[in-house]
Amino acid sequence: VFGKRLSFFFNAHNNMLEEVAKFRAA
């Protein structure tokens, strides 16, 4: 129940491909 209402807030920096990979890994 509570797990469905958890959300996250991440940063997007300039190293674009590292950032894309970061989101996928998370």
PDB file of all heavy atoms in Angstrom:
ATOM      1  N   VAL A   1       0.842  -1.201   0.000  1.00  0.00           N
ATOM      2  CA  VAL A   1       0.000   0.000   0.000  1.00  0.00           C
ATOM      3  C   VAL A   1       0.872   1.244   0.000  1.00  0.00           C
ATOM      4  O   VAL A   1       0.845   2.048  -0.933  1.00  0.00           O
ATOM      5  CB  VAL A   1      -0.967  -0.001   1.202  1.00  0.00           C
ATOM      6  CG1 VAL A   1      -1.758   1.306   1.235  1.00  0.00           C
ATOM      7  CG2 VAL A   1      -1.909  -1.190   1.131  1.00  0.00           C
ATOM      8  N   PHE A   2       1.714   1.409   1.045  1.00  0.00           N
ATOM      9  CA  PHE A   2       2.510   2.637   1.106  1.00  0.00           C
ATOM     10  C   PHE A   2       3.609   2.660   0.043  1.00  0.00           C
ATOM     11  O   PHE A   2       4.037   3.728  -0.398  1.00  0.00           O
ATOM     12  CB  PHE A   2       3.093   2.863   2.507  1.00  0.00           C
ATOM     13  CG  PHE A   2       4.242   1.977   2.897  1.00  0.00           C
ATOM     14  CD1 PHE A   2       5.535   2.222   2.447  1.00  0.00           C
ATOM     15  CD2 PHE A   2       4.047   0.891   3.741  1.00  0.00           C
ATOM     16  CE1 PHE A   2       6.595   1.416   2.820  1.00  0.00           C
ATOM     17  CE2 PHE A   2       5.106   0.074   4.114  1.00  0.00           C
ATOM     18  CZ  PHE A   2       6.390   0.335   3.647  1.00  0.00           C
ATOM     19  N   GLY A   3       4.053   1.472  -0.408  1.00  0.00           N
ATOM     20  CA  GLY A   3       5.108   1.420  -1.416  1.00  0.00           C
ATOM     21  C   GLY A   3       4.712   2.064  -2.732  1.00  0.00           C
ATOM     22  O   GLY A   3       5.557   2.595  -3.459  1.00  0.00           O
ATOM     23  N   LYS A   4       3.405   2.065  -3.043  1.00  0.00           N
ATOM     24  CA  LYS A   4       2.928   2.671  -4.288  1.00  0.00           C
ATOM     25  C   LYS A   4       2.983   4.195  -4.244  1.00  0.00           C
ATOM     26  O   LYS A   4       2.918   4.850  -5.288  1.00  0.00           O
ATOM     27  CB  LYS A   4       1.485   2.247  -4.555  1.00  0.00           C
ATOM     28  CG  LYS A   4       1.285   0.760  -4.782  1.00  0.00           C
ATOM     29  CD  LYS A   4      -0.204   0.475  -4.931  1.00  0.00           C
ATOM     30  CE  LYS A   4      -0.495  -1.013  -4.973  1.00  0.00           C
ATOM     31  NZ  LYS A   4      -1.941  -1.292  -5.017  1.00  0.00           N
ATOM     32  N   ARG A   5       3.051   4.770  -3.041  1.00  0.00           N
ATOM     33  CA  ARG A   5       3.009   6.220  -2.903  1.00  0.00           C
ATOM     34  C   ARG A   5       4.381   6.806  -2.621  1.00  0.00           C
ATOM     35  O   ARG A   5       4.509   7.995  -2.343  1.00  0.00           O
ATOM     36  CB  ARG A   5       2.037   6.642  -1.792  1.00  0.00           C
ATOM     37  CG  ARG A   5       0.601   6.173  -1.934  1.00  0.00           C
ATOM     38  CD  ARG A   5       0.031   6.139  -3.317  1.00  0.00           C
ATOM     39  NE  ARG A   5       0.213   7.322  -4.149  1.00  0.00           N
ATOM     40  CZ  ARG A   5       0.017   7.344  -5.445  1.00  0.00           C
ATOM     41  NH1 ARG A   5      -0.338   6.270  -6.111  1.00  0.00           N
ATOM     42  NH2 ARG A   5       0.196   8.466  -6.124  1.00  0.00           N
ATOM     43  N   LEU A   6       5.428   5.998  -2.691  1.00  0.00           N
ATOM     44  CA  LEU A   6       6.783   6.511  -2.554  1.00  0.00           C
ATOM     45  C   LEU A   6       7.245   7.035  -3.911  1.00  0.00           C
ATOM     46  O   LEU A   6       7.038   6.398  -4.934  1.00  0.00           O
ATOM     47  CB  LEU A   6       7.739   5.403  -2.086  1.00  0.00           C
ATOM     48  CG  LEU A   6       7.386   4.683  -0.784  1.00  0.00           C
ATOM     49  CD1 LEU A   6       8.420   3.602  -0.487  1.00  0.00           C
ATOM     50  CD2 LEU A   6       7.280   5.653   0.378  1.00  0.00           C
ATOM     51  N   SER A   7       7.856   8.199  -3.906  1.00  0.00           N
ATOM     52  CA  SER A   7       8.409   8.726  -5.147  1.00  0.00           C
ATOM     53  C   SER A   7       9.802   9.263  -4.859  1.00  0.00           C
ATOM     54  O   SER A   7      10.211   9.381  -3.703  1.00  0.00           O
ATOM     55  CB  SER A   7       7.513   9.834  -5.725  1.00  0.00           C
ATOM     56  OG  SER A   7       7.459  10.942  -4.843  1.00  0.00           O
ATOM     57  N   PHE A   8      10.520   9.595  -5.916  1.00  0.00           N
ATOM     58  CA  PHE A   8      11.912  10.024  -5.784  1.00  0.00           C
ATOM     59  C   PHE A   8      12.137  11.333  -6.531  1.00  0.00           C
ATOM     60  O   PHE A   8      11.343  11.719  -7.392  1.00  0.00           O
ATOM     61  CB  PHE A   8      12.857   8.935  -6.306  1.00  0.00           C
ATOM     62  CG  PHE A   8      12.918   7.723  -5.422  1.00  0.00           C
ATOM     63  CD1 PHE A   8      11.928   6.753  -5.479  1.00  0.00           C
ATOM     64  CD2 PHE A   8      13.946   7.573  -4.499  1.00  0.00           C
ATOM     65  CE1 PHE A   8      11.965   5.647  -4.647  1.00  0.00           C
ATOM     66  CE2 PHE A   8      13.990   6.473  -3.662  1.00  0.00           C
ATOM     67  CZ  PHE A   8      13.005   5.511  -3.733  1.00  0.00           C
ATOM     68  N   PHE A   9      13.224  11.983  -6.197  1.00  0.00           N
ATOM     69  CA  PHE A   9      13.559  13.288  -6.773  1.00  0.00           C
ATOM     70  C   PHE A   9      15.059  13.288  -7.061  1.00  0.00           C
ATOM     71  O   PHE A   9      15.877  13.241  -6.145  1.00  0.00           O
ATOM     72  CB  PHE A   9      13.184  14.369  -5.759  1.00  0.00           C
ATOM     73  CG  PHE A   9      13.531  15.779  -6.150  1.00  0.00           C
ATOM     74  CD1 PHE A   9      13.736  16.151  -7.477  1.00  0.00           C
ATOM     75  CD2 PHE A   9      13.630  16.761  -5.174  1.00  0.00           C
ATOM     76  CE1 PHE A   9      14.052  17.460  -7.814  1.00  0.00           C
ATOM     77  CE2 PHE A   9      13.939  18.079  -5.506  1.00  0.00           C
ATOM     78  CZ  PHE A   9      14.142  18.424  -6.818  1.00  0.00           C
ATOM     79  N   PHE A  10      15.401  13.300  -8.351  1.00  0.00           N
ATOM     80  CA  PHE A  10      16.801  13.227  -8.740  1.00  0.00           C
ATOM     81  C   PHE A  10      17.238  14.478  -9.496  1.00  0.00           C
ATOM     82  O   PHE A  10      16.434  15.261  -9.981  1.00  0.00           O
ATOM     83  CB  PHE A  10      17.042  11.996  -9.616  1.00  0.00           C
ATOM     84  CG  PHE A  10      16.953  10.689  -8.866  1.00  0.00           C
ATOM     85  CD1 PHE A  10      16.038   9.714  -9.246  1.00  0.00           C
ATOM     86  CD2 PHE A  10      17.777  10.430  -7.781  1.00  0.00           C
ATOM     87  CE1 PHE A  10      15.945   8.512  -8.569  1.00  0.00           C
ATOM     88  CE2 PHE A  10      17.697   9.229  -7.091  1.00  0.00           C
ATOM     89  CZ  PHE A  10      16.784   8.266  -7.484  1.00  0.00           C
ATOM     90  N   ASN A  11      18.549  14.617  -9.591  1.00  0.00           N
ATOM     91  CA  ASN A  11      19.196  15.720 -10.279  1.00  0.00           C
ATOM     92  C   ASN A  11      19.564  15.277 -11.691  1.00  0.00           C
ATOM     93  O   ASN A  11      19.858  14.105 -11.913  1.00  0.00           O
ATOM     94  CB  ASN A  11      20.474  16.090  -9.510  1.00  0.00           C
ATOM     95  CG  ASN A  11      20.869  17.536  -9.650  1.00  0.00           C
ATOM     96  OD1 ASN A  11      20.888  18.068 -10.748  1.00  0.00           O
ATOM     97  ND2 ASN A  11      21.209  18.162  -8.535  1.00  0.00           N
ATOM     98  N   ALA A  12      19.554  16.198 -12.622  1.00  0.00           N
ATOM     99  CA  ALA A  12      20.088  15.922 -13.961  1.00  0.00           C
ATOM    100  C   ALA A  12      21.252  16.870 -14.198  1.00  0.00           C
ATOM    101  O   ALA A  12      21.083  18.089 -14.180  1.00  0.00           O
ATOM    102  CB  ALA A  12      19.021  16.114 -15.030  1.00  0.00           C
ATOM    103  N   HIS A  13      22.445  16.304 -14.398  1.00  0.00           N
ATOM    104  CA  HIS A  13      23.653  17.095 -14.625  1.00  0.00           C
ATOM    105  C   HIS A  13      24.055  17.045 -16.091  1.00  0.00           C
ATOM    106  O   HIS A  13      23.320  16.530 -16.939  1.00  0.00           O
ATOM    107  CB  HIS A  13      24.773  16.600 -13.711  1.00  0.00           C
ATOM    108  CG  HIS A  13      24.817  17.316 -12.399  1.00  0.00           C
ATOM    109  ND1 HIS A  13      25.984  17.759 -11.832  1.00  0.00           N
ATOM    110  CD2 HIS A  13      23.830  17.667 -11.545  1.00  0.00           C
ATOM    111  CE1 HIS A  13      25.713  18.353 -10.678  1.00  0.00           C
ATOM    112  NE2 HIS A  13      24.411  18.304 -10.482  1.00  0.00           N
ATOM    113  N   ASN A  14      25.235  17.560 -16.397  1.00  0.00           N
ATOM    114  CA  ASN A  14      25.617  17.783 -17.795  1.00  0.00           C
ATOM    115  C   ASN A  14      26.145  16.556 -18.531  1.00  0.00           C
ATOM    116  O   ASN A  14      26.098  16.517 -19.756  1.00  0.00           O
ATOM    117  CB  ASN A  14      26.676  18.890 -17.867  1.00  0.00           C
ATOM    118  CG  ASN A  14      26.092  20.260 -17.590  1.00  0.00           C
ATOM    119  OD1 ASN A  14      24.925  20.503 -17.860  1.00  0.00           O
ATOM    120  ND2 ASN A  14      26.901  21.153 -17.034  1.00  0.00           N
ATOM    121  N   ASN A  15      26.690  15.577 -17.801  1.00  0.00           N
ATOM    122  CA  ASN A  15      27.199  14.378 -18.466  1.00  0.00           C
ATOM    123  C   ASN A  15      25.996  13.514 -18.842  1.00  0.00           C
ATOM    124  O   ASN A  15      25.585  12.617 -18.106  1.00  0.00           O
ATOM    125  CB  ASN A  15      28.164  13.623 -17.553  1.00  0.00           C
ATOM    126  CG  ASN A  15      28.894  12.506 -18.271  1.00  0.00           C
ATOM    127  OD1 ASN A  15      28.384  11.936 -19.245  1.00  0.00           O
ATOM    128  ND2 ASN A  15      30.092  12.182 -17.807  1.00  0.00           N
ATOM    129  N   MET A  16      25.442  13.792 -19.996  1.00  0.00           N
ATOM    130  CA  MET A  16      24.116  13.291 -20.345  1.00  0.00           C
ATOM    131  C   MET A  16      24.019  11.767 -20.290  1.00  0.00           C
ATOM    132  O   MET A  16      23.072  11.209 -19.730  1.00  0.00           O
ATOM    133  CB  MET A  16      23.713  13.784 -21.737  1.00  0.00           C
ATOM    134  CG  MET A  16      22.277  13.446 -22.105  1.00  0.00           C
ATOM    135  SD  MET A  16      21.797  14.075 -23.712  1.00  0.00           S
ATOM    136  CE  MET A  16      22.542  12.889 -24.803  1.00  0.00           C
ATOM    137  N   LEU A  17      24.993  11.070 -20.861  1.00  0.00           N
ATOM    138  CA  LEU A  17      24.876   9.610 -20.940  1.00  0.00           C
ATOM    139  C   LEU A  17      25.081   8.965 -19.576  1.00  0.00           C
ATOM    140  O   LEU A  17      24.444   7.951 -19.265  1.00  0.00           O
ATOM    141  CB  LEU A  17      25.859   9.070 -21.973  1.00  0.00           C
ATOM    142  CG  LEU A  17      25.601   9.563 -23.410  1.00  0.00           C
ATOM    143  CD1 LEU A  17      26.627   8.978 -24.365  1.00  0.00           C
ATOM    144  CD2 LEU A  17      24.188   9.211 -23.867  1.00  0.00           C
ATOM    145  N   GLU A  18      25.955   9.540 -18.743  1.00  0.00           N
ATOM    146  CA  GLU A  18      26.083   9.025 -17.374  1.00  0.00           C
ATOM    147  C   GLU A  18      24.767   9.216 -16.615  1.00  0.00           C
ATOM    148  O   GLU A  18      24.346   8.338 -15.849  1.00  0.00           O
ATOM    149  CB  GLU A  18      27.218   9.735 -16.625  1.00  0.00           C
ATOM    150  CG  GLU A  18      27.397   9.187 -15.197  1.00  0.00           C
ATOM    151  CD  GLU A  18      28.414   9.950 -14.369  1.00  0.00           C
ATOM    152  OE1 GLU A  18      28.553  11.175 -14.557  1.00  0.00           O
ATOM    153  OE2 GLU A  18      29.064   9.325 -13.518  1.00  0.00           O
ATOM    154  N   GLU A  19      24.107  10.350 -16.834  1.00  0.00           N
ATOM    155  CA  GLU A  19      22.847  10.614 -16.137  1.00  0.00           C
ATOM    156  C   GLU A  19      21.757   9.630 -16.579  1.00  0.00           C
ATOM    157  O   GLU A  19      21.003   9.112 -15.759  1.00  0.00           O
ATOM    158  CB  GLU A  19      22.398  12.050 -16.391  1.00  0.00           C
ATOM    159  CG  GLU A  19      23.305  13.093 -15.785  1.00  0.00           C
ATOM    160  CD  GLU A  19      23.373  12.991 -14.271  1.00  0.00           C
ATOM    161  OE1 GLU A  19      22.373  13.295 -13.597  1.00  0.00           O
ATOM    162  OE2 GLU A  19      24.431  12.610 -13.746  1.00  0.00           O
ATOM    163  N   VAL A  20      21.681   9.363 -17.876  1.00  0.00           N
ATOM    164  CA  VAL A  20      20.696   8.374 -18.363  1.00  0.00           C
ATOM    165  C   VAL A  20      20.959   7.017 -17.709  1.00  0.00           C
ATOM    166  O   VAL A  20      20.036   6.350 -17.232  1.00  0.00           O
ATOM    167  CB  VAL A  20      20.765   8.259 -19.900  1.00  0.00           C
ATOM    168  CG1 VAL A  20      19.907   7.093 -20.393  1.00  0.00           C
ATOM    169  CG2 VAL A  20      20.314   9.558 -20.557  1.00  0.00           C
ATOM    170  N   ALA A  21      22.208   6.609 -17.666  1.00  0.00           N
ATOM    171  CA  ALA A  21      22.567   5.328 -17.055  1.00  0.00           C
ATOM    172  C   ALA A  21      22.239   5.320 -15.563  1.00  0.00           C
ATOM    173  O   ALA A  21      21.799   4.293 -15.018  1.00  0.00           O
ATOM    174  CB  ALA A  21      24.053   5.047 -17.275  1.00  0.00           C
ATOM    175  N   LYS A  22      22.439   6.447 -14.902  1.00  0.00           N
ATOM    176  CA  LYS A  22      22.128   6.563 -13.475  1.00  0.00           C
ATOM    177  C   LYS A  22      20.649   6.290 -13.216  1.00  0.00           C
ATOM    178  O   LYS A  22      20.289   5.534 -12.306  1.00  0.00           O
ATOM    179  CB  LYS A  22      22.494   7.972 -12.988  1.00  0.00           C
ATOM    180  CG  LYS A  22      22.147   8.267 -11.541  1.00  0.00           C
ATOM    181  CD  LYS A  22      22.324   9.750 -11.221  1.00  0.00           C
ATOM    182  CE  LYS A  22      21.186  10.575 -11.789  1.00  0.00           C
ATOM    183  NZ  LYS A  22      21.308  12.014 -11.448  1.00  0.00           N
ATOM    184  N   PHE A  23      19.781   6.901 -14.010  1.00  0.00           N
ATOM    185  CA  PHE A  23      18.344   6.709 -13.830  1.00  0.00           C
ATOM    186  C   PHE A  23      17.948   5.248 -14.076  1.00  0.00           C
ATOM    187  O   PHE A  23      17.130   4.677 -13.343  1.00  0.00           O
ATOM    188  CB  PHE A  23      17.557   7.622 -14.773  1.00  0.00           C
ATOM    189  CG  PHE A  23      17.760   9.094 -14.524  1.00  0.00           C
ATOM    190  CD1 PHE A  23      17.999   9.966 -15.586  1.00  0.00           C
ATOM    191  CD2 PHE A  23      17.725   9.625 -13.243  1.00  0.00           C
ATOM    192  CE1 PHE A  23      18.183  11.320 -15.371  1.00  0.00           C
ATOM    193  CE2 PHE A  23      17.905  10.982 -13.018  1.00  0.00           C
ATOM    194  CZ  PHE A  23      18.145  11.837 -14.082  1.00  0.00           C
ATOM    195  N   ARG A  24      18.539   4.633 -15.090  1.00  0.00           N
ATOM    196  CA  ARG A  24      18.221   3.235 -15.407  1.00  0.00           C
ATOM    197  C   ARG A  24      18.668   2.319 -14.269  1.00  0.00           C
ATOM    198  O   ARG A  24      17.938   1.409 -13.849  1.00  0.00           O
ATOM    199  CB  ARG A  24      18.894   2.822 -16.731  1.00  0.00           C
ATOM    200  CG  ARG A  24      18.437   3.651 -17.922  1.00  0.00           C
ATOM    201  CD  ARG A  24      19.241   3.361 -19.188  1.00  0.00           C
ATOM    202  NE  ARG A  24      18.636   2.272 -19.958  1.00  0.00           N
ATOM    203  CZ  ARG A  24      19.181   1.108 -20.188  1.00  0.00           C
ATOM    204  NH1 ARG A  24      20.384   0.825 -19.681  1.00  0.00           N
ATOM    205  NH2 ARG A  24      18.562   0.199 -20.907  1.00  0.00           N
ATOM    206  N   ALA A  25      19.878   2.564 -13.748  1.00  0.00           N
ATOM    207  CA  ALA A  25      20.401   1.735 -12.655  1.00  0.00           C
ATOM    208  C   ALA A  25      19.565   1.905 -11.391  1.00  0.00           C
ATOM    209  O   ALA A  25      19.296   0.929 -10.669  1.00  0.00           O
ATOM    210  CB  ALA A  25      21.858   2.110 -12.373  1.00  0.00           C
ATOM    211  N   ALA A  26      19.134   3.127 -11.105  1.00  0.00           N
ATOM    212  CA  ALA A  26      18.339   3.387  -9.894  1.00  0.00           C
ATOM    213  C   ALA A  26      17.035   2.602  -9.911  1.00  0.00           C
ATOM    214  O   ALA A  26      16.623   2.037  -8.886  1.00  0.00           O
ATOM    215  CB  ALA A  26      18.060   4.883  -9.766  1.00  0.00           C
TER     216      ALA A  26
END
